[in-house]
Protein backbone atom coordinates (compact mmCIF):
# COMPACT_ATOMS: atom_id res chain seq x y z
CA MET A 1 11.55 -55.84 8.57
CA HIS A 2 14.20 -58.49 8.40
CA PHE A 3 17.76 -58.75 7.11
CA ALA A 4 19.78 -61.92 6.81
CA ALA A 5 22.61 -63.83 5.20
CA GLU A 6 22.17 -67.32 3.78
CA ALA A 7 24.67 -70.16 3.49
CA GLY A 8 24.03 -73.31 1.48
CA TYR A 9 25.56 -75.90 -0.79
CA ASP A 10 24.59 -76.65 -4.41
CA LEU A 11 23.64 -80.23 -5.22
CA TRP A 12 22.98 -81.11 -8.86
CA ALA A 13 20.10 -83.44 -9.77
CA GLY A 14 20.12 -83.63 -13.56
CA ASP A 15 19.37 -80.13 -14.82
CA LEU A 16 18.20 -78.85 -11.41
CA ILE A 17 20.21 -77.25 -8.63
CA ILE A 18 18.98 -78.13 -5.13
CA ARG A 19 20.43 -75.87 -2.46
CA PRO A 20 19.72 -76.72 1.19
CA GLY A 21 20.72 -73.90 3.46
CA LEU A 22 20.27 -71.82 6.57
CA LEU A 23 19.30 -68.17 6.73
CA VAL A 24 20.55 -66.28 9.83
CA GLY A 25 19.70 -62.67 10.55
CA GLY A 26 17.62 -60.26 12.53
CA VAL A 27 14.05 -59.01 12.74
CA LEU A 28 13.20 -55.41 13.60
CA GLY A 29 9.78 -54.16 14.62
CA LEU A 30 8.79 -50.50 15.04
CA PHE A 31 5.47 -49.65 16.68
CA GLU A 32 3.73 -46.28 16.97
CA ARG A 33 0.27 -45.37 18.25
CA GLN A 34 -1.34 -41.98 17.73
CA GLY A 35 -4.75 -40.75 18.78
CA ALA A 36 -6.66 -40.51 22.05
CA GLY A 37 -4.59 -40.93 25.16
CA ASP A 38 -0.82 -40.88 25.37
CA PRO A 39 1.13 -41.35 22.14
CA PHE A 40 3.23 -44.50 22.27
CA SER A 41 6.20 -45.80 20.29
CA ASP A 42 8.46 -48.79 20.77
CA SER A 43 10.89 -50.98 18.88
CA THR A 44 12.07 -54.56 19.21
CA GLY A 45 14.66 -56.80 17.62
CA ASP A 46 15.29 -60.55 17.69
CA LEU A 47 17.38 -63.27 16.06
CA LEU A 48 15.90 -64.90 12.93
CA LEU A 49 16.69 -68.48 11.80
CA GLY A 50 15.41 -69.85 8.50
CA PRO A 51 16.25 -73.42 7.52
CA GLY A 52 15.05 -74.41 4.06
CA PHE A 53 16.00 -75.18 0.50
CA VAL A 54 15.95 -73.66 -2.97
CA VAL A 55 15.35 -75.51 -6.25
CA LEU A 56 16.73 -73.74 -9.34
CA TYR A 57 16.43 -74.47 -13.05
CA PRO A 58 19.34 -72.79 -14.87
CA MET A 59 18.84 -71.56 -18.45
CA ASP A 60 22.16 -70.28 -19.84
CA SER A 61 22.83 -67.17 -17.71
CA LEU A 62 19.29 -67.00 -16.22
CA TYR A 63 17.48 -69.18 -13.69
CA LEU A 64 13.97 -69.86 -12.38
CA GLY A 65 13.17 -71.56 -9.12
CA GLY A 66 11.35 -71.85 -5.87
CA ASP A 67 12.28 -71.45 -2.22
CA LEU A 68 10.63 -73.25 0.72
CA ARG A 69 11.79 -72.00 4.10
CA GLY A 70 10.74 -72.08 7.73
CA TYR A 71 11.18 -68.87 9.73
CA VAL A 72 11.69 -68.83 13.49
CA VAL A 73 12.07 -65.61 15.48
CA MET A 74 13.97 -66.63 18.59
CA GLY A 75 12.94 -63.98 21.14
CA ASP A 76 9.17 -64.34 21.03
CA GLY A 77 8.66 -67.78 19.49
CA VAL A 78 6.92 -66.50 16.35
CA SER A 79 7.34 -68.85 13.40
CA GLY A 80 6.11 -69.21 9.85
CA VAL A 81 6.71 -70.81 6.49
CA GLY A 82 7.65 -69.04 3.28
CA LEU A 83 7.09 -70.35 -0.25
CA ASN A 84 8.71 -68.04 -2.79
CA VAL A 85 9.28 -67.93 -6.52
CA THR A 86 12.71 -66.74 -7.62
CA ALA A 87 14.26 -65.66 -10.92
CA GLY A 88 17.55 -64.02 -11.75
CA ALA A 89 20.86 -63.98 -13.55
CA ARG A 90 23.90 -66.17 -12.90
CA PHE A 91 27.44 -64.84 -13.18
CA GLU A 92 30.20 -67.41 -13.60
């Protein structure tokens, strides 16, 4: 599970919004083993960094877009890439 806050800046390119930004948060892992032998449970937590950018196409009060982001978990060196589709409402 992860939780994070993101900061970025909107750049307009015609009708598109391009938002480079950085996601900073935490990653939590909970582990539990049942069965033969001794039961085992553990938890871990590390810092999460996620540089990336979002491209949005606004349509009146709605928007559609995509998000490309790298994820790096600082404590154990795990990393990955996320490609997401996003949609929502804008309040101005």
